[in-house]
Amino acid sequence: MAYVIGPACVADYSCLEVCPADCIRPRPDDPGFDSAEQLYIDPRSCIDCEACVSACPVGAVHEATRLPTEISGYAEHNAAWFEETA
């Protein structure tokens, strides 16, 4: 089970600073950071530590298996970002 960043993300990157697995992108030094709509969690490298959950100032991070119905497609949305940018 991985964590997922939903549409409430404000890309303040506080979650990036606490992630021990370095699985959240884009980082401020990555190409496209300034134009990114939000941040994304790579489900393949997320270690389920929950550090990003408490660091998020807007509650945009959710367990993939417990996504609210209105954002249920965001697990695929996060994974797709990594497939498209790899």
Foldseek 3Di string as FASTA:
>chain_A
DAKFFFQVAPLPCQLCVFQPQNQKDDDPPDPCSVVDSHIAGARVRGPPPCSSQVRGPRRRMDDLVDDPPVGVCRVVVRNVVVVVVD
